[in-house]
């Protein structure tokens, strides 16, 4: 545990902690076909709440189609939430996504040579959140929907294989 109390920014990250199951709408992109998916998310506070480590697994047609390991933190000096993401696509992030809370919604954005990605987490209370991921290809001004979902808190014992 930390010998100090967590900042408000670190405390806000705790909204992500828990076991979650979601239903997703997947848009057609250069990486996948349109359709529906289910997702399981397991997020744990680490180092006394300074970071939240999130493991995400998406299934389509009963098969794991995408996985990610996200590490959320709070940069007190700049007042920004950070998210380092490592996923089954294999792209190595040059820098973390950064963003801020706007009420009960967390919005993060990251740029790379391929383009920009932004993700929002909107909390509808302690046991439900909505996630939306969008992508803007390099050289474009238009954001494209990639995945959106509604996630509900579940018992950690109902999520297997993480």
N, C-alpha and C. Protein backbone atom coordinates (compact mmCIF):
# COMPACT_ATOMS: atom_id res chain seq x y z
N UNK A 1 0.84 -1.19 0.00
CA UNK A 1 0.00 0.00 0.00
C UNK A 1 0.88 1.24 0.00
N UNK A 2 0.29 2.32 -0.45
CA UNK A 2 1.01 3.59 -0.46
C UNK A 2 1.02 4.21 0.92
N UNK A 3 2.07 4.91 1.21
CA UNK A 3 2.18 5.61 2.49
C UNK A 3 1.48 6.97 2.42
N UNK A 4 0.86 7.28 1.31
CA UNK A 4 0.17 8.55 1.13
C UNK A 4 -1.22 8.30 0.57
N UNK A 5 -2.06 9.29 0.63
CA UNK A 5 -3.39 9.10 0.05
C UNK A 5 -3.33 9.38 -1.45
N UNK A 6 -4.18 8.69 -2.19
CA UNK A 6 -4.21 8.85 -3.64
C UNK A 6 -4.79 10.20 -4.02
N UNK A 7 -4.29 10.77 -5.10
CA UNK A 7 -4.85 12.01 -5.62
C UNK A 7 -6.26 11.75 -6.15
N UNK A 8 -7.02 12.79 -6.36
CA UNK A 8 -8.36 12.64 -6.95
C UNK A 8 -8.27 11.95 -8.30
N UNK A 9 -7.25 12.28 -9.10
CA UNK A 9 -7.07 11.66 -10.41
C UNK A 9 -6.86 10.17 -10.32
N UNK A 10 -6.06 9.73 -9.34
CA UNK A 10 -5.85 8.30 -9.14
C UNK A 10 -7.14 7.63 -8.64
N UNK A 11 -7.86 8.29 -7.76
CA UNK A 11 -9.10 7.72 -7.24
C UNK A 11 -10.13 7.54 -8.35
N UNK A 12 -10.18 8.45 -9.30
CA UNK A 12 -11.15 8.33 -10.41
C UNK A 12 -10.90 7.08 -11.24
N UNK A 13 -9.63 6.67 -11.35
CA UNK A 13 -9.30 5.47 -12.13
C UNK A 13 -9.95 4.22 -11.55
N UNK A 14 -10.28 4.24 -10.27
CA UNK A 14 -10.83 3.05 -9.62
C UNK A 14 -12.19 2.67 -10.20
N UNK A 15 -12.84 3.57 -10.93
CA UNK A 15 -14.12 3.25 -11.58
C UNK A 15 -13.95 2.10 -12.57
N UNK A 16 -12.74 1.93 -13.12
CA UNK A 16 -12.46 0.87 -14.09
C UNK A 16 -12.29 -0.51 -13.45
N UNK A 17 -12.00 -0.54 -12.14
CA UNK A 17 -11.68 -1.78 -11.45
C UNK A 17 -12.90 -2.69 -11.38
N UNK A 18 -12.67 -3.97 -11.67
CA UNK A 18 -13.73 -4.96 -11.54
C UNK A 18 -13.70 -5.95 -12.68
N UNK A 19 -14.65 -6.86 -12.64
CA UNK A 19 -14.86 -7.84 -13.71
C UNK A 19 -16.11 -7.39 -14.47
N UNK A 20 -16.00 -7.36 -15.79
CA UNK A 20 -17.06 -6.82 -16.64
C UNK A 20 -17.32 -7.76 -17.81
N UNK A 21 -18.55 -7.78 -18.28
CA UNK A 21 -18.89 -8.52 -19.50
C UNK A 21 -19.69 -7.57 -20.37
N UNK A 22 -19.41 -7.58 -21.69
CA UNK A 22 -20.07 -6.64 -22.57
C UNK A 22 -20.52 -7.24 -23.88
N UNK A 23 -21.48 -6.55 -24.49
CA UNK A 23 -21.95 -6.84 -25.84
C UNK A 23 -21.44 -5.70 -26.72
N UNK A 24 -20.83 -6.04 -27.85
CA UNK A 24 -20.20 -5.04 -28.70
C UNK A 24 -20.73 -5.06 -30.13
N UNK A 25 -20.70 -3.89 -30.72
CA UNK A 25 -20.94 -3.72 -32.15
C UNK A 25 -19.59 -3.39 -32.77
N UNK A 26 -19.19 -4.18 -33.75
CA UNK A 26 -17.90 -4.00 -34.41
C UNK A 26 -18.16 -3.46 -35.81
N UNK A 27 -17.54 -2.35 -36.15
CA UNK A 27 -17.69 -1.76 -37.48
C UNK A 27 -16.70 -2.42 -38.45
N UNK A 28 -17.04 -2.41 -39.71
CA UNK A 28 -16.12 -2.91 -40.75
C UNK A 28 -14.95 -1.94 -40.85
N UNK A 29 -13.74 -2.47 -40.76
CA UNK A 29 -12.53 -1.66 -40.89
C UNK A 29 -11.54 -2.43 -41.74
N UNK A 30 -10.38 -1.84 -41.94
CA UNK A 30 -9.34 -2.53 -42.69
C UNK A 30 -8.82 -3.76 -41.94
N UNK A 31 -9.16 -3.89 -40.63
CA UNK A 31 -8.67 -5.00 -39.83
C UNK A 31 -9.70 -6.11 -39.62
N UNK A 32 -11.01 -5.80 -39.80
CA UNK A 32 -12.03 -6.80 -39.51
C UNK A 32 -13.35 -6.49 -40.20
N UNK A 33 -14.22 -7.48 -40.26
CA UNK A 33 -15.56 -7.32 -40.82
C UNK A 33 -16.51 -6.80 -39.74
N UNK A 34 -17.61 -6.21 -40.17
CA UNK A 34 -18.64 -5.74 -39.24
C UNK A 34 -19.33 -6.93 -38.59
N UNK A 35 -19.86 -6.70 -37.40
CA UNK A 35 -20.61 -7.75 -36.72
C UNK A 35 -20.74 -7.46 -35.24
N UNK A 36 -21.12 -8.48 -34.51
CA UNK A 36 -21.25 -8.34 -33.07
C UNK A 36 -20.18 -9.16 -32.39
N UNK A 37 -19.94 -8.83 -31.12
CA UNK A 37 -18.95 -9.55 -30.33
C UNK A 37 -19.36 -9.49 -28.87
N UNK A 38 -18.75 -10.35 -28.09
CA UNK A 38 -18.87 -10.26 -26.64
C UNK A 38 -17.46 -9.97 -26.12
N UNK A 39 -17.41 -9.39 -24.94
CA UNK A 39 -16.11 -9.07 -24.37
C UNK A 39 -16.12 -9.35 -22.88
N UNK A 40 -14.95 -9.72 -22.38
CA UNK A 40 -14.72 -9.86 -20.96
C UNK A 40 -13.56 -8.95 -20.60
N UNK A 41 -13.73 -8.23 -19.49
CA UNK A 41 -12.73 -7.27 -19.04
C UNK A 41 -12.48 -7.52 -17.56
N UNK A 42 -11.23 -7.65 -17.19
CA UNK A 42 -10.85 -7.79 -15.80
C UNK A 42 -9.83 -6.70 -15.49
N UNK A 43 -10.17 -5.82 -14.55
CA UNK A 43 -9.29 -4.69 -14.22
C UNK A 43 -9.00 -4.69 -12.73
N UNK A 44 -7.72 -4.53 -12.39
CA UNK A 44 -7.29 -4.57 -11.01
C UNK A 44 -6.43 -3.34 -10.68
N UNK A 45 -6.63 -2.82 -9.48
CA UNK A 45 -5.78 -1.73 -8.99
C UNK A 45 -4.42 -2.32 -8.63
N UNK A 46 -3.37 -1.64 -9.01
CA UNK A 46 -2.01 -2.08 -8.71
C UNK A 46 -1.27 -0.97 -7.97
N UNK A 47 -0.29 -1.37 -7.18
CA UNK A 47 0.56 -0.43 -6.45
C UNK A 47 -0.27 0.55 -5.63
N UNK A 48 -1.21 -0.01 -4.88
CA UNK A 48 -2.03 0.81 -3.99
C UNK A 48 -2.99 1.73 -4.70
N UNK A 49 -3.29 1.45 -5.97
CA UNK A 49 -4.23 2.27 -6.72
C UNK A 49 -3.59 3.29 -7.64
N UNK A 50 -2.26 3.32 -7.69
CA UNK A 50 -1.58 4.27 -8.59
C UNK A 50 -1.83 3.92 -10.05
N UNK A 51 -2.03 2.64 -10.34
CA UNK A 51 -2.28 2.18 -11.70
C UNK A 51 -3.45 1.21 -11.69
N UNK A 52 -4.13 1.10 -12.82
CA UNK A 52 -5.16 0.09 -13.02
C UNK A 52 -4.73 -0.72 -14.24
N UNK A 53 -4.59 -2.02 -14.05
CA UNK A 53 -4.21 -2.93 -15.12
C UNK A 53 -5.48 -3.63 -15.59
N UNK A 54 -5.74 -3.48 -16.88
CA UNK A 54 -6.98 -4.01 -17.47
C UNK A 54 -6.63 -5.05 -18.52
N UNK A 55 -7.27 -6.21 -18.42
CA UNK A 55 -7.12 -7.25 -19.44
C UNK A 55 -8.46 -7.38 -20.15
N UNK A 56 -8.40 -7.35 -21.47
CA UNK A 56 -9.60 -7.34 -22.32
C UNK A 56 -9.53 -8.48 -23.30
N UNK A 57 -10.65 -9.17 -23.47
CA UNK A 57 -10.70 -10.27 -24.43
C UNK A 57 -12.04 -10.18 -25.18
N UNK A 58 -11.96 -10.09 -26.51
CA UNK A 58 -13.15 -10.02 -27.37
C UNK A 58 -13.33 -11.37 -28.05
N UNK A 59 -14.59 -11.80 -28.12
CA UNK A 59 -14.92 -13.05 -28.81
C UNK A 59 -15.93 -12.77 -29.91
N UNK A 60 -15.68 -13.40 -31.05
CA UNK A 60 -16.62 -13.38 -32.17
C UNK A 60 -16.81 -14.81 -32.61
N UNK A 61 -18.06 -15.21 -32.75
CA UNK A 61 -18.38 -16.59 -33.15
C UNK A 61 -17.69 -17.62 -32.27
N UNK A 62 -17.61 -17.33 -30.96
CA UNK A 62 -17.06 -18.27 -30.01
C UNK A 62 -15.55 -18.34 -29.94
N UNK A 63 -14.86 -17.54 -30.76
CA UNK A 63 -13.41 -17.56 -30.83
C UNK A 63 -12.85 -16.21 -30.38
N UNK A 64 -11.75 -16.24 -29.62
CA UNK A 64 -11.11 -14.99 -29.23
C UNK A 64 -10.59 -14.31 -30.49
N UNK A 65 -11.07 -13.10 -30.74
CA UNK A 65 -10.71 -12.37 -31.95
C UNK A 65 -9.77 -11.20 -31.69
N UNK A 66 -9.68 -10.77 -30.43
CA UNK A 66 -8.82 -9.63 -30.10
C UNK A 66 -8.58 -9.65 -28.61
N UNK A 67 -7.36 -9.28 -28.22
CA UNK A 67 -7.03 -9.16 -26.81
C UNK A 67 -6.17 -7.94 -26.57
N UNK A 68 -6.28 -7.38 -25.38
CA UNK A 68 -5.47 -6.21 -25.04
C UNK A 68 -5.13 -6.24 -23.56
N UNK A 69 -4.01 -5.64 -23.26
CA UNK A 69 -3.54 -5.44 -21.89
C UNK A 69 -3.30 -3.93 -21.77
N UNK A 70 -4.10 -3.26 -20.96
CA UNK A 70 -4.02 -1.81 -20.82
C UNK A 70 -3.54 -1.44 -19.42
N UNK A 71 -2.70 -0.45 -19.33
CA UNK A 71 -2.24 0.06 -18.04
C UNK A 71 -2.63 1.53 -17.97
N UNK A 72 -3.55 1.85 -17.05
CA UNK A 72 -4.01 3.22 -16.84
C UNK A 72 -3.25 3.84 -15.68
N UNK A 73 -2.90 5.09 -15.82
CA UNK A 73 -2.25 5.83 -14.75
C UNK A 73 -2.74 7.26 -14.75
N UNK A 74 -2.26 8.03 -13.80
CA UNK A 74 -2.62 9.44 -13.74
C UNK A 74 -1.34 10.25 -13.61
N UNK A 75 -1.11 11.12 -14.58
CA UNK A 75 0.05 12.01 -14.61
C UNK A 75 -0.34 13.29 -13.85
N UNK A 76 0.03 13.34 -12.56
CA UNK A 76 -0.36 14.48 -11.73
C UNK A 76 0.21 15.80 -12.24
N UNK A 77 1.43 15.77 -12.71
CA UNK A 77 2.09 17.00 -13.15
C UNK A 77 1.32 17.68 -14.28
N UNK A 78 0.79 16.87 -15.22
CA UNK A 78 0.07 17.43 -16.36
C UNK A 78 -1.44 17.31 -16.25
N UNK A 79 -1.93 16.67 -15.19
CA UNK A 79 -3.37 16.53 -14.99
C UNK A 79 -4.04 15.65 -16.03
N UNK A 80 -3.32 14.62 -16.51
CA UNK A 80 -3.83 13.75 -17.57
C UNK A 80 -3.88 12.30 -17.15
N UNK A 81 -4.92 11.60 -17.60
CA UNK A 81 -4.97 10.15 -17.48
C UNK A 81 -4.14 9.59 -18.63
N UNK A 82 -3.39 8.53 -18.36
CA UNK A 82 -2.60 7.87 -19.40
C UNK A 82 -3.06 6.42 -19.55
N UNK A 83 -2.90 5.90 -20.76
CA UNK A 83 -3.20 4.50 -20.99
C UNK A 83 -2.16 3.94 -21.98
N UNK A 84 -1.38 2.99 -21.50
CA UNK A 84 -0.46 2.24 -22.35
C UNK A 84 -1.20 0.98 -22.77
N UNK A 85 -1.29 0.72 -24.07
CA UNK A 85 -2.00 -0.46 -24.55
C UNK A 85 -1.08 -1.36 -25.34
N UNK A 86 -1.17 -2.66 -25.03
CA UNK A 86 -0.47 -3.70 -25.76
C UNK A 86 -1.54 -4.69 -26.18
N UNK A 87 -1.59 -5.02 -27.47
CA UNK A 87 -2.70 -5.84 -27.93
C UNK A 87 -2.29 -6.88 -28.96
N UNK A 88 -3.25 -7.69 -29.33
CA UNK A 88 -2.98 -8.80 -30.24
C UNK A 88 -2.73 -8.37 -31.68
N UNK A 89 -2.88 -7.08 -31.98
CA UNK A 89 -2.51 -6.58 -33.31
C UNK A 89 -1.00 -6.46 -33.42
N UNK A 90 -0.33 -6.29 -32.27
CA UNK A 90 1.12 -6.30 -32.24
C UNK A 90 1.80 -4.97 -32.46
N UNK A 91 1.04 -3.88 -32.66
CA UNK A 91 1.67 -2.57 -32.83
C UNK A 91 2.26 -2.13 -31.49
N UNK A 92 3.50 -1.70 -31.50
CA UNK A 92 4.14 -1.22 -30.29
C UNK A 92 3.84 0.27 -30.14
N UNK A 93 3.19 0.67 -29.03
CA UNK A 93 2.84 2.08 -28.88
C UNK A 93 4.07 2.93 -28.63
N UNK A 94 4.23 3.99 -29.40
CA UNK A 94 5.35 4.90 -29.22
C UNK A 94 5.13 5.77 -27.98
N UNK A 95 3.87 6.00 -27.65
CA UNK A 95 3.53 6.80 -26.48
C UNK A 95 2.14 6.38 -26.00
N UNK A 96 1.82 6.72 -24.77
CA UNK A 96 0.50 6.33 -24.27
C UNK A 96 -0.59 7.22 -24.83
N UNK A 97 -1.82 6.72 -24.77
CA UNK A 97 -2.98 7.57 -25.01
C UNK A 97 -3.11 8.47 -23.78
N UNK A 98 -3.56 9.68 -23.97
CA UNK A 98 -3.75 10.60 -22.85
C UNK A 98 -5.12 11.24 -22.96
N UNK A 99 -5.64 11.67 -21.83
CA UNK A 99 -6.94 12.33 -21.85
C UNK A 99 -7.37 12.78 -20.47
N UNK A 100 -8.65 13.11 -20.40
CA UNK A 100 -9.20 13.66 -19.17
C UNK A 100 -10.62 13.16 -18.96
N UNK A 101 -11.09 13.34 -17.76
CA UNK A 101 -12.47 13.08 -17.41
C UNK A 101 -13.30 14.31 -17.73
N UNK A 102 -14.49 14.09 -18.26
CA UNK A 102 -15.49 15.14 -18.44
C UNK A 102 -16.75 14.60 -17.78
N UNK A 103 -16.96 14.97 -16.54
CA UNK A 103 -18.06 14.39 -15.78
C UNK A 103 -17.79 12.92 -15.55
N UNK A 104 -18.70 12.06 -15.99
CA UNK A 104 -18.54 10.61 -15.78
C UNK A 104 -17.95 9.92 -17.01
N UNK A 105 -17.40 10.69 -17.95
CA UNK A 105 -16.81 10.11 -19.16
C UNK A 105 -15.31 10.38 -19.21
N UNK A 106 -14.54 9.32 -19.47
CA UNK A 106 -13.11 9.41 -19.68
C UNK A 106 -12.84 9.31 -21.17
N UNK A 107 -12.15 10.30 -21.74
CA UNK A 107 -11.82 10.32 -23.16
C UNK A 107 -10.30 10.34 -23.29
N UNK A 108 -9.76 9.39 -24.06
CA UNK A 108 -8.33 9.26 -24.28
C UNK A 108 -8.04 9.26 -25.78
N UNK A 109 -6.89 9.84 -26.17
CA UNK A 109 -6.52 9.87 -27.58
C UNK A 109 -5.03 9.61 -27.72
N UNK A 110 -4.67 8.93 -28.83
CA UNK A 110 -3.27 8.62 -29.12
C UNK A 110 -3.05 8.71 -30.62
N UNK A 111 -1.89 9.20 -31.02
CA UNK A 111 -1.54 9.29 -32.44
C UNK A 111 -0.33 8.40 -32.74
N UNK A 112 -0.29 7.92 -33.97
CA UNK A 112 0.84 7.13 -34.46
C UNK A 112 0.99 7.45 -35.95
N UNK A 113 2.01 6.93 -36.60
CA UNK A 113 2.14 7.15 -38.04
C UNK A 113 0.94 6.62 -38.84
N UNK A 114 0.21 5.63 -38.29
CA UNK A 114 -0.97 5.08 -38.98
C UNK A 114 -2.18 6.00 -38.88
N UNK A 115 -2.21 6.86 -37.85
CA UNK A 115 -3.35 7.74 -37.63
C UNK A 115 -3.56 7.99 -36.16
N UNK A 116 -4.78 8.30 -35.79
CA UNK A 116 -5.11 8.58 -34.40
C UNK A 116 -6.24 7.67 -33.95
N UNK A 117 -6.21 7.33 -32.68
CA UNK A 117 -7.28 6.53 -32.09
C UNK A 117 -7.79 7.27 -30.86
N UNK A 118 -9.08 7.20 -30.64
CA UNK A 118 -9.63 7.75 -29.40
C UNK A 118 -10.65 6.76 -28.84
N UNK A 119 -10.65 6.69 -27.53
CA UNK A 119 -11.55 5.78 -26.83
C UNK A 119 -12.21 6.54 -25.70
N UNK A 120 -13.49 6.27 -25.51
CA UNK A 120 -14.22 6.89 -24.40
C UNK A 120 -14.82 5.80 -23.54
N UNK A 121 -14.82 6.06 -22.25
CA UNK A 121 -15.46 5.20 -21.26
C UNK A 121 -16.47 6.07 -20.54
N UNK A 122 -17.75 5.80 -20.73
CA UNK A 122 -18.81 6.57 -20.09
C UNK A 122 -19.51 5.72 -19.05
N UNK A 123 -19.47 6.16 -17.80
CA UNK A 123 -20.03 5.37 -16.70
C UNK A 123 -21.46 5.77 -16.43
N UNK A 124 -22.34 4.76 -16.45
CA UNK A 124 -23.78 4.94 -16.18
C UNK A 124 -24.08 4.51 -14.76
N UNK A 125 -23.18 4.76 -13.84
CA UNK A 125 -23.30 4.29 -12.46
C UNK A 125 -22.11 3.41 -12.14
N UNK A 126 -22.13 2.77 -10.97
CA UNK A 126 -20.99 1.98 -10.52
C UNK A 126 -20.87 0.63 -11.23
N UNK A 127 -21.96 0.15 -11.84
CA UNK A 127 -21.95 -1.21 -12.37
C UNK A 127 -22.16 -1.32 -13.87
N UNK A 128 -22.12 -0.20 -14.59
CA UNK A 128 -22.31 -0.20 -16.04
C UNK A 128 -21.46 0.90 -16.68
N UNK A 129 -20.84 0.57 -17.81
CA UNK A 129 -20.17 1.62 -18.59
C UNK A 129 -20.30 1.32 -20.08
N UNK A 130 -20.12 2.37 -20.86
CA UNK A 130 -20.12 2.27 -22.31
C UNK A 130 -18.73 2.63 -22.81
N UNK A 131 -18.26 1.89 -23.81
CA UNK A 131 -16.97 2.17 -24.42
C UNK A 131 -17.18 2.40 -25.90
N UNK A 132 -16.46 3.35 -26.45
CA UNK A 132 -16.50 3.60 -27.89
C UNK A 132 -15.08 3.87 -28.36
N UNK A 133 -14.66 3.13 -29.39
CA UNK A 133 -13.34 3.28 -29.97
C UNK A 133 -13.49 3.76 -31.41
N UNK A 134 -12.75 4.82 -31.75
CA UNK A 134 -12.76 5.37 -33.10
C UNK A 134 -11.34 5.51 -33.60
N UNK A 135 -11.21 5.54 -34.94
CA UNK A 135 -9.90 5.65 -35.58
C UNK A 135 -9.98 6.69 -36.69
N UNK A 136 -8.92 7.50 -36.81
CA UNK A 136 -8.81 8.47 -37.90
C UNK A 136 -7.50 8.17 -38.63
N UNK A 137 -7.60 7.65 -39.86
CA UNK A 137 -6.38 7.32 -40.61
C UNK A 137 -5.50 8.56 -40.84
N UNK A 138 -4.21 8.33 -40.95
CA UNK A 138 -3.27 9.42 -41.24
C UNK A 138 -3.72 10.14 -42.51
N UNK A 139 -3.72 11.45 -42.47
CA UNK A 139 -4.11 12.26 -43.62
C UNK A 139 -5.59 12.50 -43.75
N UNK A 140 -6.40 11.97 -42.85
CA UNK A 140 -7.85 12.14 -42.90
C UNK A 140 -8.32 13.01 -41.74
N UNK A 141 -9.45 13.68 -41.94
CA UNK A 141 -10.07 14.44 -40.87
C UNK A 141 -11.27 13.72 -40.28
N UNK A 142 -11.64 12.57 -40.86
CA UNK A 142 -12.87 11.88 -40.46
C UNK A 142 -12.57 10.74 -39.48
N UNK A 143 -13.30 10.73 -38.38
CA UNK A 143 -13.22 9.64 -37.41
C UNK A 143 -14.13 8.50 -37.87
N UNK A 144 -13.63 7.28 -37.78
CA UNK A 144 -14.38 6.08 -38.15
C UNK A 144 -14.66 5.27 -36.89
N UNK A 145 -15.92 4.87 -36.72
CA UNK A 145 -16.25 4.00 -35.59
C UNK A 145 -15.56 2.66 -35.80
N UNK A 146 -15.06 2.08 -34.70
CA UNK A 146 -14.45 0.75 -34.76
C UNK A 146 -15.23 -0.23 -33.90
N UNK A 147 -15.38 0.09 -32.62
CA UNK A 147 -16.08 -0.80 -31.69
C UNK A 147 -16.83 0.06 -30.68
N UNK A 148 -18.04 -0.36 -30.34
CA UNK A 148 -18.75 0.27 -29.23
C UNK A 148 -19.42 -0.85 -28.44
N UNK A 149 -19.52 -0.63 -27.14
CA UNK A 149 -20.10 -1.69 -26.33
C UNK A 149 -20.68 -1.17 -25.02
N UNK A 150 -21.50 -2.02 -24.44
CA UNK A 150 -22.09 -1.78 -23.13
C UNK A 150 -21.61 -2.90 -22.23
N UNK A 151 -21.03 -2.56 -21.08
CA UNK A 151 -20.40 -3.52 -20.18
C UNK A 151 -21.05 -3.44 -18.81
N UNK A 152 -21.29 -4.62 -18.24
CA UNK A 152 -21.91 -4.70 -16.92
C UNK A 152 -20.98 -5.46 -15.98
N UNK A 153 -20.97 -5.01 -14.74
CA UNK A 153 -20.14 -5.66 -13.72
C UNK A 153 -20.66 -7.08 -13.47
N UNK A 154 -19.74 -8.04 -13.36
CA UNK A 154 -20.06 -9.44 -13.08
C UNK A 154 -19.14 -9.91 -11.96
N UNK A 155 -19.40 -11.09 -11.46
CA UNK A 155 -18.54 -11.71 -10.47
C UNK A 155 -17.23 -12.12 -11.15
N UNK A 156 -16.07 -11.85 -10.52
CA UNK A 156 -14.80 -12.25 -11.15
C UNK A 156 -14.74 -13.74 -11.44
N UNK A 157 -15.46 -14.56 -10.69
CA UNK A 157 -15.40 -16.00 -10.92
C UNK A 157 -16.08 -16.42 -12.22
N UNK A 158 -16.87 -15.51 -12.84
CA UNK A 158 -17.51 -15.86 -14.11
C UNK A 158 -16.61 -15.59 -15.30
N UNK A 159 -15.45 -14.99 -15.06
CA UNK A 159 -14.50 -14.72 -16.14
C UNK A 159 -13.34 -15.70 -15.99
N UNK A 160 -13.18 -16.56 -16.97
CA UNK A 160 -12.16 -17.60 -16.92
C UNK A 160 -11.07 -17.34 -17.95
N UNK A 161 -9.90 -17.87 -17.67
CA UNK A 161 -8.84 -17.89 -18.66
C UNK A 161 -7.94 -16.67 -18.72
N UNK A 162 -8.10 -15.73 -17.83
CA UNK A 162 -7.19 -14.56 -17.86
C UNK A 162 -5.93 -14.87 -17.10
